[in-house]
Amino acid sequence: MKSACKETATVLQSASILVVDDEPDVLSMVSEYLGREGYSVGCCESSSELDRALEIETPDLILLDVNLPDENGISVVRRLQARRPLPIVMLTALADPIDRVVGLEVGADDYVTKPFDLRELSARVRAVLRRSKGAGVRSTHGPTQALSKSKVVPFCEAFLDLDARNLVDPEGRQISVTATEFEMLETFAKHPNRVLSRDMLLGDASEHGSGCRDRAIDIRVTRLRKRVEPNPARPQVIRTVRSVGYVYVPPR
């Protein structure tokens, strides 16, 4: 067990990270710190630089500032999600909670508020990488390979392929979900008809304050409902239990 944990830590720390921020001091500070942690770090000061970097190499994770000189970070996340989904941690200003909410809604995996503690930033990067490595390549809206022969779980009208870590529609097309969202679906599938608290659903991403944490979970549940519920406005599969959390009710 110890050797397996050590191997996982080595894989995570050798991951490549692209930091996108127009503040040179932030780029220098973050890249130096994460570099000392063992990550391979690249830097961009604008979304156009990010696009050029992505044409050369795909990083394991992007640290993305909301306020860029040539394009809003929210727009960048939305664009990447549609074209080339990647694990993304957003850097947002403390005074702009709307940025954090919208960032999660369009598919960011997590956020860190400025000014931030470098140790917290590293912990969040590590948590998102751990989830994304476990989930493999994030699901996309394209044709997929045949489902794994084992560990395929029906989820409403879709299927969870637990080996490939994909959500697949009845036609065999992968449905776009983040690594965090897939883990939530897997937790639901493993505990049908059981009320799950928000702490149980978000796991190690629950280090934010309770209000922010609860909002982050609610946003992700809303996104998941749009992908698996026949009528997301009247959810019957992922139901809300007021003041407690959510319950997954498999269709008969």
Foldseek 3Di string as FASTA:
>chain_A
DVVVVVVLLLVLLAFEEEEEAQDPVVLVVLCVVSVVSRYHYHYHDAVVRVVVVVVVDDTQEYEEEQDGDPDGRLVSLLVCLQPPDHAYEYEYAPVCVVCQLSSLLSPHPYYAHPPGDSVVVVLVSSVLSSLCVQQDGFFHFDADDDADPPDWADQAQWIQRNVNNFIAHPVRTTDGDGSLLSQLVVLQRVAAPDFDALCRSRPPNQPDPPVSSVSSSVSSVLVVCVVRPPDSVDRDQWAADPPGHTHGHGDD
